[in-house]
Amino acid sequence: MHRLQAAAVAGVIPWIPAVPPAQPVPRLAPPCRAAALRAELGLQGATGSLAGGVVLTNRGRSVCSLRGNPRARFLDGVDPSGVERTALPAFDRPSDTPHSSLRALRPGESAFVRLWWSNWCGRPSPMRLALTVSGAEFDLRVDGSSRCDAASAPSTLAVGPLEPRELQPRTGSQLPLSAAIVDELHLGPKAVPGVRARAAGTAVFHVGLTNTSSSPYRFGATCPSYVEGTGLDERTESHLLNCRPVGAIGPGETVVFEMRVRVPERATGRIPLTWTLAPATYLPPFAGGVIVVLR
């Protein structure tokens, strides 16, 4: 018997319906001054169009805020059909991903404005783009041009809203734990096909956390969160690990936790199952598997 299977037989920490507390909304800081911001434009080809955006980094010494709707326009170049400016929708960012705050952008943190440019048929091509955000205008160099797809149609320059950027965790935050979905392990020559559940139901599975260090490991005063998902463009779920019943985990020792995840109503066949512990840490423990959806 695999040692994780043996650990599951020895005892499983039950699942609890606990969710991480909501992150506090920071106090609105004074507006960012243009001199405190560094703007960098990056555009890449995508099926004849150019897609990318502008990274705005707080290079000042104090916290500041970025508000309002950004605007973009070309400062040179000529297209006889003109330029049509449109808006991009906000990016659907997972709530469990740590990111900067537009209300309080700390020194070194960044925001992002997405851009999409298509169908340029004029000559010459633009080499300068102006981005206006929070009352400040930035003159940015444009490298390359979108393709001409319809000479009689205007060029399109689409601009997204201000968006926070994902924060990179410190390397020192890495946990000495590895994760595995116990239900996915091989039991002798026979492979366990996956976690079984019904559409619109709840899949119950088990995650084994193994101490990969040479010292005993204890969870801190606050149990870490974990994120689980089933793909199919469904939102991930965030919960708190039931770590209170766990004492010290010895080197090489495994503790098995019961997990539950909602199965999408439209799910059929075999769908992915992903599980990540403490997603805000460096290289967080990850486990992947399959849910076999029963009829």
C-alpha atoms as a PDB file:
ATOM      1  CA  MET A   1       0.000   0.000   0.000  1.00  0.00           C
ATOM      2  CA  HIS A   2       1.271   3.505  -0.862  1.00  0.00           C
ATOM      3  CA  ARG A   3       2.270   5.490   2.224  1.00  0.00           C
ATOM      4  CA  LEU A   4      -0.309   8.210   1.451  1.00  0.00           C
ATOM      5  CA  GLN A   5      -2.993   5.566   1.201  1.00  0.00           C
ATOM      6  CA  ALA A   6      -1.765   4.192   4.518  1.00  0.00           C
ATOM      7  CA  ALA A   7      -1.946   7.683   6.043  1.00  0.00           C
ATOM      8  CA  ALA A   8      -5.520   8.037   4.799  1.00  0.00           C
ATOM      9  CA  VAL A   9      -6.420   4.738   6.446  1.00  0.00           C
ATOM     10  CA  ALA A  10      -4.774   5.847   9.703  1.00  0.00           C
ATOM     11  CA  GLY A  11      -6.897   8.965   9.998  1.00  0.00           C
ATOM     12  CA  VAL A  12      -8.261  11.857   7.984  1.00  0.00           C
ATOM     13  CA  ILE A  13      -8.661  15.459   9.150  1.00  0.00           C
ATOM     14  CA  PRO A  14     -12.314  16.329   8.358  1.00  0.00           C
ATOM     15  CA  TRP A  15     -13.294  19.157   6.022  1.00  0.00           C
ATOM     16  CA  ILE A  16     -14.780  22.334   7.512  1.00  0.00           C
ATOM     17  CA  PRO A  17     -16.868  24.991   5.673  1.00  0.00           C
ATOM     18  CA  ALA A  18     -14.502  27.839   6.556  1.00  0.00           C
ATOM     19  CA  VAL A  19     -13.506  30.573   4.101  1.00  0.00           C
ATOM     20  CA  PRO A  20     -10.681  33.135   4.305  1.00  0.00           C
ATOM     21  CA  PRO A  21     -11.669  36.496   5.786  1.00  0.00           C
ATOM     22  CA  ALA A  22     -12.256  39.335   3.350  1.00  0.00           C
ATOM     23  CA  GLN A  23      -9.230  41.515   2.776  1.00  0.00           C
ATOM     24  CA  PRO A  24      -9.593  44.987   4.310  1.00  0.00           C
ATOM     25  CA  VAL A  25     -10.058  47.850   1.867  1.00  0.00           C
ATOM     26  CA  PRO A  26      -7.106  50.229   2.288  1.00  0.00           C
ATOM     27  CA  ARG A  27      -7.653  53.923   2.905  1.00  0.00           C
ATOM     28  CA  LEU A  28      -7.612  56.002  -0.276  1.00  0.00           C
ATOM     29  CA  ALA A  29      -4.119  57.481  -0.674  1.00  0.00           C
ATOM     30  CA  PRO A  30      -3.319  60.820  -2.371  1.00  0.00           C
ATOM     31  CA  PRO A  31      -3.273  60.653  -6.188  1.00  0.00           C
ATOM     32  CA  CYS A  32      -0.063  59.464  -7.830  1.00  0.00           C
ATOM     33  CA  ARG A  33       1.975  62.295  -9.332  1.00  0.00           C
ATOM     34  CA  ALA A  34       3.321  61.835 -12.863  1.00  0.00           C
ATOM     35  CA  ALA A  35       6.883  62.184 -11.587  1.00  0.00           C
ATOM     36  CA  ALA A  36       6.304  59.243  -9.227  1.00  0.00           C
ATOM     37  CA  LEU A  37       5.188  56.879 -12.002  1.00  0.00           C
ATOM     38  CA  ARG A  38       7.218  54.917 -14.527  1.00  0.00           C
ATOM     39  CA  ALA A  39       5.248  53.910 -17.628  1.00  0.00           C
ATOM     40  CA  GLU A  40       6.380  51.034 -19.880  1.00  0.00           C
ATOM     41  CA  LEU A  41       4.556  50.035 -23.075  1.00  0.00           C
ATOM     42  CA  GLY A  42       4.683  46.476 -24.352  1.00  0.00           C
ATOM     43  CA  LEU A  43       2.801  45.229 -27.434  1.00  0.00           C
ATOM     44  CA  GLN A  44       3.072  41.871 -29.180  1.00  0.00           C
ATOM     45  CA  GLY A  45       1.599  40.424 -32.335  1.00  0.00           C
ATOM     46  CA  ALA A  46      -1.616  38.442 -32.095  1.00  0.00           C
ATOM     47  CA  THR A  47      -3.153  37.273 -35.411  1.00  0.00           C
ATOM     48  CA  GLY A  48      -2.220  40.522 -37.115  1.00  0.00           C
ATOM     49  CA  SER A  49      -3.190  42.732 -34.197  1.00  0.00           C
ATOM     50  CA  LEU A  50      -0.953  44.019 -31.427  1.00  0.00           C
ATOM     51  CA  ALA A  51      -1.957  43.257 -27.852  1.00  0.00           C
ATOM     52  CA  GLY A  52      -0.383  44.137 -24.536  1.00  0.00           C
ATOM     53  CA  GLY A  53      -0.514  47.249 -22.449  1.00  0.00           C
ATOM     54  CA  VAL A  54       1.198  49.743 -20.213  1.00  0.00           C
ATOM     55  CA  VAL A  55       2.711  48.925 -16.828  1.00  0.00           C
ATOM     56  CA  LEU A  56       2.561  51.852 -14.388  1.00  0.00           C
ATOM     57  CA  THR A  57       4.978  51.460 -11.463  1.00  0.00           C
ATOM     58  CA  ASN A  58       5.107  53.629  -8.357  1.00  0.00           C
ATOM     59  CA  ARG A  59       8.766  54.643  -8.233  1.00  0.00           C
ATOM     60  CA  GLY A  60       8.189  57.259  -5.535  1.00  0.00           C
ATOM     61  CA  ARG A  61       8.713  56.974  -1.791  1.00  0.00           C
ATOM     62  CA  SER A  62       5.104  57.127  -0.631  1.00  0.00           C
ATOM     63  CA  VAL A  63       1.811  55.311  -1.211  1.00  0.00           C
ATOM     64  CA  CYS A  64      -0.438  56.849  -3.877  1.00  0.00           C
ATOM     65  CA  SER A  65      -3.669  56.046  -5.716  1.00  0.00           C
ATOM     66  CA  LEU A  66      -4.618  55.618  -9.376  1.00  0.00           C
ATOM     67  CA  ARG A  67      -8.219  56.446 -10.253  1.00  0.00           C
ATOM     68  CA  GLY A  68     -10.381  57.165 -13.264  1.00  0.00           C
ATOM     69  CA  ASN A  69     -10.573  55.767 -16.775  1.00  0.00           C
ATOM     70  CA  PRO A  70      -7.360  55.795 -18.810  1.00  0.00           C
ATOM     71  CA  ARG A  71      -7.350  57.187 -22.361  1.00  0.00           C
ATOM     72  CA  ALA A  72      -4.941  56.460 -25.216  1.00  0.00           C
ATOM     73  CA  ARG A  73      -4.278  58.126 -28.574  1.00  0.00           C
ATOM     74  CA  PHE A  74      -1.603  58.085 -31.251  1.00  0.00           C
ATOM     75  CA  LEU A  75       0.543  61.193 -31.469  1.00  0.00           C
ATOM     76  CA  ASP A  76       1.713  60.567 -35.046  1.00  0.00           C
ATOM     77  CA  GLY A  77       1.025  58.358 -38.036  1.00  0.00           C
ATOM     78  CA  VAL A  78      -1.691  58.849 -40.625  1.00  0.00           C
ATOM     79  CA  ASP A  79      -4.564  56.468 -41.452  1.00  0.00           C
ATOM     80  CA  PRO A  80      -7.040  57.842 -44.068  1.00  0.00           C
ATOM     81  CA  SER A  81      -9.921  55.976 -42.406  1.00  0.00           C
ATOM     82  CA  GLY A  82      -9.129  57.340 -38.964  1.00  0.00           C
ATOM     83  CA  VAL A  83      -8.793  55.623 -35.609  1.00  0.00           C
ATOM     84  CA  GLU A  84     -11.765  54.256 -33.692  1.00  0.00           C
ATOM     85  CA  ARG A  85     -11.224  54.089 -29.918  1.00  0.00           C
ATOM     86  CA  THR A  86     -13.139  51.484 -27.951  1.00  0.00           C
ATOM     87  CA  ALA A  87     -13.107  50.069 -24.420  1.00  0.00           C
ATOM     88  CA  LEU A  88     -11.930  46.669 -23.238  1.00  0.00           C
ATOM     89  CA  PRO A  89     -13.823  44.971 -20.379  1.00  0.00           C
ATOM     90  CA  ALA A  90     -12.225  44.533 -16.984  1.00  0.00           C
ATOM     91  CA  PHE A  91     -10.171  41.388 -16.539  1.00  0.00           C
ATOM     92  CA  ASP A  92     -11.889  38.715 -14.440  1.00  0.00           C
ATOM     93  CA  ARG A  93      -9.211  38.375 -11.764  1.00  0.00           C
ATOM     94  CA  PRO A  94      -9.435  35.517  -9.238  1.00  0.00           C
ATOM     95  CA  SER A  95     -10.254  36.900  -5.794  1.00  0.00           C
ATOM     96  CA  ASP A  96      -7.658  34.651  -4.158  1.00  0.00           C
ATOM     97  CA  THR A  97      -4.741  36.104  -6.135  1.00  0.00           C
ATOM     98  CA  PRO A  98      -2.714  38.645  -4.105  1.00  0.00           C
ATOM     99  CA  HIS A  99      -2.411  41.880  -6.039  1.00  0.00           C
ATOM    100  CA  SER A 100      -1.622  45.546  -5.632  1.00  0.00           C
ATOM    101  CA  SER A 101      -4.301  48.072  -4.669  1.00  0.00           C
ATOM    102  CA  LEU A 102      -5.240  50.979  -6.912  1.00  0.00           C
ATOM    103  CA  ARG A 103      -6.419  52.792  -3.783  1.00  0.00           C
ATOM    104  CA  ALA A 104      -3.015  52.471  -2.150  1.00  0.00           C
ATOM    105  CA  LEU A 105      -0.223  51.649  -4.592  1.00  0.00           C
ATOM    106  CA  ARG A 106       2.900  51.114  -2.525  1.00  0.00           C
ATOM    107  CA  PRO A 107       6.414  52.004  -3.740  1.00  0.00           C
ATOM    108  CA  GLY A 108       7.574  49.382  -6.207  1.00  0.00           C
ATOM    109  CA  GLU A 109       4.059  48.086  -6.918  1.00  0.00           C
ATOM    110  CA  SER A 110       2.426  48.370 -10.339  1.00  0.00           C
ATOM    111  CA  ALA A 111      -0.878  48.795 -12.127  1.00  0.00           C
ATOM    112  CA  PHE A 112      -1.693  47.818 -15.694  1.00  0.00           C
ATOM    113  CA  VAL A 113      -3.694  49.205 -18.616  1.00  0.00           C
ATOM    114  CA  ARG A 114      -4.470  46.693 -21.373  1.00  0.00           C
ATOM    115  CA  LEU A 115      -4.305  47.767 -25.031  1.00  0.00           C
ATOM    116  CA  TRP A 116      -5.374  46.116 -28.286  1.00  0.00           C
ATOM    117  CA  TRP A 117      -4.603  47.653 -31.677  1.00  0.00           C
ATOM    118  CA  SER A 118      -5.783  46.311 -35.031  1.00  0.00           C
ATOM    119  CA  ASN A 119      -6.100  47.185 -38.752  1.00  0.00           C
ATOM    120  CA  TRP A 120      -3.608  49.961 -39.468  1.00  0.00           C
ATOM    121  CA  CYS A 121      -3.593  50.766 -43.204  1.00  0.00           C
ATOM    122  CA  GLY A 122      -2.023  54.207 -43.210  1.00  0.00           C
ATOM    123  CA  ARG A 123       1.513  55.424 -43.865  1.00  0.00           C
ATOM    124  CA  PRO A 124       3.536  56.110 -41.853  1.00  0.00           C
ATOM    125  CA  SER A 125       2.740  53.911 -38.860  1.00  0.00           C
ATOM    126  CA  PRO A 126       2.525  55.540 -35.426  1.00  0.00           C
ATOM    127  CA  MET A 127       5.697  55.623 -33.372  1.00  0.00           C
ATOM    128  CA  ARG A 128       4.318  57.478 -30.342  1.00  0.00           C
ATOM    129  CA  LEU A 129       1.304  56.781 -28.142  1.00  0.00           C
ATOM    130  CA  ALA A 130      -0.024  59.055 -25.408  1.00  0.00           C
ATOM    131  CA  LEU A 131      -1.607  57.462 -22.343  1.00  0.00           C
ATOM    132  CA  THR A 132      -3.547  59.701 -19.996  1.00  0.00           C
ATOM    133  CA  VAL A 133      -4.254  58.324 -16.525  1.00  0.00           C
ATOM    134  CA  SER A 134      -5.165  60.095 -13.294  1.00  0.00           C
ATOM    135  CA  GLY A 135      -4.564  63.469 -14.947  1.00  0.00           C
ATOM    136  CA  ALA A 136      -1.019  62.603 -16.078  1.00  0.00           C
ATOM    137  CA  GLU A 137      -0.032  62.023 -19.733  1.00  0.00           C
ATOM    138  CA  PHE A 138       2.802  59.713 -20.780  1.00  0.00           C
ATOM    139  CA  ASP A 139       4.487  59.816 -24.188  1.00  0.00           C
ATOM    140  CA  LEU A 140       5.381  56.218 -25.082  1.00  0.00           C
ATOM    141  CA  ARG A 141       7.345  54.776 -27.993  1.00  0.00           C
ATOM    142  CA  VAL A 142       5.495  52.285 -30.224  1.00  0.00           C
ATOM    143  CA  ASP A 143       7.514  49.451 -31.776  1.00  0.00           C
ATOM    144  CA  GLY A 144       5.846  47.731 -34.729  1.00  0.00           C
ATOM    145  CA  SER A 145       2.416  48.104 -36.262  1.00  0.00           C
ATOM    146  CA  SER A 146      -0.811  46.145 -36.572  1.00  0.00           C
ATOM    147  CA  ARG A 147      -1.621  44.561 -39.923  1.00  0.00           C
ATOM    148  CA  CYS A 148      -3.859  46.132 -42.565  1.00  0.00           C
ATOM    149  CA  ASP A 149      -6.908  43.886 -42.874  1.00  0.00           C
ATOM    150  CA  ALA A 150      -9.521  46.259 -44.358  1.00  0.00           C
ATOM    151  CA  ALA A 151      -8.292  49.419 -46.088  1.00  0.00           C
ATOM    152  CA  SER A 152     -11.695  51.119 -45.994  1.00  0.00           C
ATOM    153  CA  ALA A 153     -12.239  50.476 -42.277  1.00  0.00           C
ATOM    154  CA  PRO A 154     -10.785  52.571 -39.463  1.00  0.00           C
ATOM    155  CA  SER A 155      -8.012  51.340 -37.261  1.00  0.00           C
ATOM    156  CA  THR A 156      -9.145  50.218 -33.802  1.00  0.00           C
ATOM    157  CA  LEU A 157      -7.398  51.136 -30.566  1.00  0.00           C
ATOM    158  CA  ALA A 158      -9.045  49.478 -27.563  1.00  0.00           C
ATOM    159  CA  VAL A 159      -8.161  50.515 -24.010  1.00  0.00           C
ATOM    160  CA  GLY A 160      -8.930  48.647 -20.804  1.00  0.00           C
ATOM    161  CA  PRO A 161      -9.512  50.031 -17.308  1.00  0.00           C
ATOM    162  CA  LEU A 162      -6.838  50.453 -14.675  1.00  0.00           C
ATOM    163  CA  GLU A 163      -6.085  47.049 -13.169  1.00  0.00           C
ATOM    164  CA  PRO A 164      -3.956  45.964 -10.214  1.00  0.00           C
ATOM    165  CA  ARG A 165      -1.021  43.656 -10.907  1.00  0.00           C
ATOM    166  CA  GLU A 166      -0.346  40.352  -9.228  1.00  0.00           C
ATOM    167  CA  LEU A 167       2.198  40.564  -6.416  1.00  0.00           C
ATOM    168  CA  GLN A 168       5.201  38.267  -6.511  1.00  0.00           C
ATOM    169  CA  PRO A 169       5.688  36.360  -3.229  1.00  0.00           C
ATOM    170  CA  ARG A 170       8.985  36.373  -1.349  1.00  0.00           C
ATOM    171  CA  THR A 171      11.130  33.257  -1.789  1.00  0.00           C
ATOM    172  CA  GLY A 172      11.302  32.968   2.002  1.00  0.00           C
ATOM    173  CA  SER A 173       7.548  32.356   2.152  1.00  0.00           C
ATOM    174  CA  GLN A 174       7.847  28.881   0.615  1.00  0.00           C
ATOM    175  CA  LEU A 175       6.251  26.127   2.731  1.00  0.00           C
ATOM    176  CA  PRO A 176       8.201  22.860   3.356  1.00  0.00           C
ATOM    177  CA  LEU A 177       5.208  20.828   2.200  1.00  0.00           C
ATOM    178  CA  SER A 178       4.269  18.823  -0.874  1.00  0.00           C
ATOM    179  CA  ALA A 179       0.700  17.966  -1.837  1.00  0.00           C
ATOM    180  CA  ALA A 180      -0.941  15.001  -3.545  1.00  0.00           C
ATOM    181  CA  ILE A 181      -4.531  13.949  -4.156  1.00  0.00           C
ATOM    182  CA  VAL A 182      -4.678  10.595  -2.395  1.00  0.00           C
ATOM    183  CA  ASP A 183      -7.616   9.374  -4.503  1.00  0.00           C
ATOM    184  CA  GLU A 184      -5.419   9.628  -7.626  1.00  0.00           C
ATOM    185  CA  LEU A 185      -2.592   7.385  -6.402  1.00  0.00           C
ATOM    186  CA  HIS A 186      -1.822   3.956  -7.795  1.00  0.00           C
ATOM    187  CA  LEU A 187      -2.727   1.061  -5.552  1.00  0.00           C
ATOM    188  CA  GLY A 188      -0.479  -1.753  -6.692  1.00  0.00           C
ATOM    189  CA  PRO A 189      -0.794  -2.401 -10.449  1.00  0.00           C
ATOM    190  CA  LYS A 190      -4.301  -0.961 -10.500  1.00  0.00           C
ATOM    191  CA  ALA A 191      -4.725   2.772 -11.170  1.00  0.00           C
ATOM    192  CA  VAL A 192      -7.338   4.691  -9.253  1.00  0.00           C
ATOM    193  CA  PRO A 193      -9.204   6.435 -12.138  1.00  0.00           C
ATOM    194  CA  GLY A 194     -10.069   9.629 -10.295  1.00  0.00           C
ATOM    195  CA  VAL A 195     -12.415  11.304  -7.865  1.00  0.00           C
ATOM    196  CA  ARG A 196     -16.033  10.324  -8.566  1.00  0.00           C
ATOM    197  CA  ALA A 197     -18.976  12.723  -8.286  1.00  0.00           C
ATOM    198  CA  ARG A 198     -22.170  13.812  -9.989  1.00  0.00           C
ATOM    199  CA  ALA A 199     -22.757  17.007 -11.952  1.00  0.00           C
ATOM    200  CA  ALA A 200     -24.146  19.828  -9.779  1.00  0.00           C
ATOM    201  CA  GLY A 201     -23.104  17.787  -6.744  1.00  0.00           C
ATOM    202  CA  THR A 202     -20.129  17.823  -4.386  1.00  0.00           C
ATOM    203  CA  ALA A 203     -16.951  15.863  -4.988  1.00  0.00           C
ATOM    204  CA  VAL A 204     -15.265  14.548  -1.844  1.00  0.00           C
ATOM    205  CA  PHE A 205     -11.551  13.860  -2.139  1.00  0.00           C
ATOM    206  CA  HIS A 206      -8.453  13.720   0.051  1.00  0.00           C
ATOM    207  CA  VAL A 207      -5.214  15.682  -0.045  1.00  0.00           C
ATOM    208  CA  GLY A 208      -2.046  14.447   1.604  1.00  0.00           C
ATOM    209  CA  LEU A 209       0.438  17.077   2.839  1.00  0.00           C
ATOM    210  CA  THR A 210       3.961  15.764   3.376  1.00  0.00           C
ATOM    211  CA  ASN A 211       6.715  17.528   5.330  1.00  0.00           C
ATOM    212  CA  THR A 212       9.632  17.706   2.894  1.00  0.00           C
ATOM    213  CA  SER A 213      12.060  19.277   5.374  1.00  0.00           C
ATOM    214  CA  SER A 214      14.390  17.697   7.934  1.00  0.00           C
ATOM    215  CA  SER A 215      12.669  19.440  10.848  1.00  0.00           C
ATOM    216  CA  PRO A 216       9.170  19.128  12.351  1.00  0.00           C
ATOM    217  CA  TYR A 217       6.658  21.510  10.809  1.00  0.00           C
ATOM    218  CA  ARG A 218       3.807  23.261  12.620  1.00  0.00           C
ATOM    219  CA  PHE A 219       1.098  25.462  11.142  1.00  0.00           C
ATOM    220  CA  GLY A 220       1.040  29.033  12.439  1.00  0.00           C
ATOM    221  CA  ALA A 221      -1.538  30.832  14.521  1.00  0.00           C
ATOM    222  CA  THR A 222      -3.768  31.162  11.453  1.00  0.00           C
ATOM    223  CA  CYS A 223      -4.574  28.191   9.255  1.00  0.00           C
ATOM    224  CA  PRO A 224      -3.598  28.743   5.604  1.00  0.00           C
ATOM    225  CA  SER A 225      -6.144  29.031   2.837  1.00  0.00           C
ATOM    226  CA  TYR A 226      -6.361  26.770  -0.174  1.00  0.00           C
ATOM    227  CA  VAL A 227      -7.835  27.195  -3.645  1.00  0.00           C
ATOM    228  CA  GLU A 228      -9.532  24.436  -5.616  1.00  0.00           C
ATOM    229  CA  GLY A 229     -11.083  24.390  -9.050  1.00  0.00           C
ATOM    230  CA  THR A 230     -12.670  22.210 -11.695  1.00  0.00           C
ATOM    231  CA  GLY A 231     -11.889  24.118 -14.888  1.00  0.00           C
ATOM    232  CA  LEU A 232     -14.673  24.690 -17.436  1.00  0.00           C
ATOM    233  CA  ASP A 233     -14.194  28.451 -16.999  1.00  0.00           C
ATOM    234  CA  GLU A 234     -15.653  28.118 -13.509  1.00  0.00           C
ATOM    235  CA  ARG A 235     -14.479  30.314 -10.641  1.00  0.00           C
ATOM    236  CA  THR A 236     -12.170  28.703  -8.136  1.00  0.00           C
ATOM    237  CA  GLU A 237     -13.219  28.156  -4.528  1.00  0.00           C
ATOM    238  CA  SER A 238     -11.238  29.414  -1.528  1.00  0.00           C
ATOM    239  CA  HIS A 239     -11.397  27.768   1.880  1.00  0.00           C
ATOM    240  CA  LEU A 240      -9.399  27.571   5.097  1.00  0.00           C
ATOM    241  CA  LEU A 241      -7.495  24.393   5.886  1.00  0.00           C
ATOM    242  CA  ASN A 242      -8.681  22.592   9.027  1.00  0.00           C
ATOM    243  CA  CYS A 243      -5.187  22.658  10.526  1.00  0.00           C
ATOM    244  CA  ARG A 244      -6.099  23.070  14.212  1.00  0.00           C
ATOM    245  CA  PRO A 245      -6.281  19.297  14.905  1.00  0.00           C
ATOM    246  CA  VAL A 246      -2.767  18.886  13.484  1.00  0.00           C
ATOM    247  CA  GLY A 247       0.227  19.067  15.794  1.00  0.00           C
ATOM    248  CA  ALA A 248       3.805  18.836  14.583  1.00  0.00           C
ATOM    249  CA  ILE A 249       4.300  17.061  11.239  1.00  0.00           C
ATOM    250  CA  GLY A 250       7.560  15.148  11.428  1.00  0.00           C
ATOM    251  CA  PRO A 251      10.115  15.018   8.596  1.00  0.00           C
ATOM    252  CA  GLY A 252       8.691  12.868   5.824  1.00  0.00           C
ATOM    253  CA  GLU A 253       5.390  12.485   7.671  1.00  0.00           C
ATOM    254  CA  THR A 254       2.069  12.899   5.819  1.00  0.00           C
ATOM    255  CA  VAL A 255      -1.233  14.245   7.083  1.00  0.00           C
ATOM    256  CA  VAL A 256      -4.380  13.633   5.018  1.00  0.00           C
ATOM    257  CA  PHE A 257      -7.219  16.174   4.830  1.00  0.00           C
ATOM    258  CA  GLU A 258     -10.745  15.659   3.546  1.00  0.00           C
ATOM    259  CA  MET A 259     -11.695  18.104   0.794  1.00  0.00           C
ATOM    260  CA  ARG A 260     -14.919  19.021  -0.972  1.00  0.00           C
ATOM    261  CA  VAL A 261     -15.511  20.922  -4.202  1.00  0.00           C
ATOM    262  CA  ARG A 262     -18.628  21.767  -6.181  1.00  0.00           C
ATOM    263  CA  VAL A 263     -18.980  20.042  -9.544  1.00  0.00           C
ATOM    264  CA  PRO A 264     -20.352  22.306 -12.326  1.00  0.00           C
ATOM    265  CA  GLU A 265     -23.869  21.515 -13.484  1.00  0.00           C
ATOM    266  CA  ARG A 266     -22.774  21.194 -17.102  1.00  0.00           C
ATOM    267  CA  ALA A 267     -19.833  18.913 -16.325  1.00  0.00           C
ATOM    268  CA  THR A 268     -19.590  15.603 -18.204  1.00  0.00           C
ATOM    269  CA  GLY A 269     -16.992  12.873 -18.539  1.00  0.00           C
ATOM    270  CA  ARG A 270     -13.632  13.579 -16.922  1.00  0.00           C
ATOM    271  CA  ILE A 271     -12.922  17.138 -15.783  1.00  0.00           C
ATOM    272  CA  PRO A 272      -9.777  18.582 -14.177  1.00  0.00           C
ATOM    273  CA  LEU A 273      -9.334  18.981 -10.434  1.00  0.00           C
ATOM    274  CA  THR A 274      -6.760  21.425  -9.076  1.00  0.00           C
ATOM    275  CA  TRP A 275      -5.793  22.187  -5.486  1.00  0.00           C
ATOM    276  CA  THR A 276      -3.287  24.790  -4.224  1.00  0.00           C
ATOM    277  CA  LEU A 277      -2.300  25.490  -0.622  1.00  0.00           C
ATOM    278  CA  ALA A 278      -1.420  29.039   0.495  1.00  0.00           C
ATOM    279  CA  PRO A 279      -1.493  30.559  -3.020  1.00  0.00           C
ATOM    280  CA  ALA A 280       0.181  33.757  -1.834  1.00  0.00           C
ATOM    281  CA  THR A 281       3.400  31.892  -0.935  1.00  0.00           C
ATOM    282  CA  TYR A 282       6.398  31.162  -3.149  1.00  0.00           C
ATOM    283  CA  LEU A 283       5.921  28.005  -5.260  1.00  0.00           C
ATOM    284  CA  PRO A 284       2.833  26.946  -3.275  1.00  0.00           C
ATOM    285  CA  PRO A 285       2.109  23.223  -2.805  1.00  0.00           C
ATOM    286  CA  PHE A 286      -0.040  22.070  -5.744  1.00  0.00           C
ATOM    287  CA  ALA A 287      -1.937  18.869  -6.530  1.00  0.00           C
ATOM    288  CA  GLY A 288      -3.850  17.993  -9.669  1.00  0.00           C
ATOM    289  CA  GLY A 289      -6.228  15.213 -10.598  1.00  0.00           C
ATOM    290  CA  VAL A 290      -9.428  14.273 -12.368  1.00  0.00           C
ATOM    291  CA  ILE A 291     -13.084  14.153 -11.402  1.00  0.00           C
ATOM    292  CA  VAL A 292     -15.049  11.393 -13.107  1.00  0.00           C
ATOM    293  CA  VAL A 293     -18.564  12.802 -13.503  1.00  0.00           C
ATOM    294  CA  LEU A 294     -21.192  10.094 -13.026  1.00  0.00           C
ATOM    295  CA  ARG A 295     -24.560  10.080 -14.744  1.00  0.00           C
END
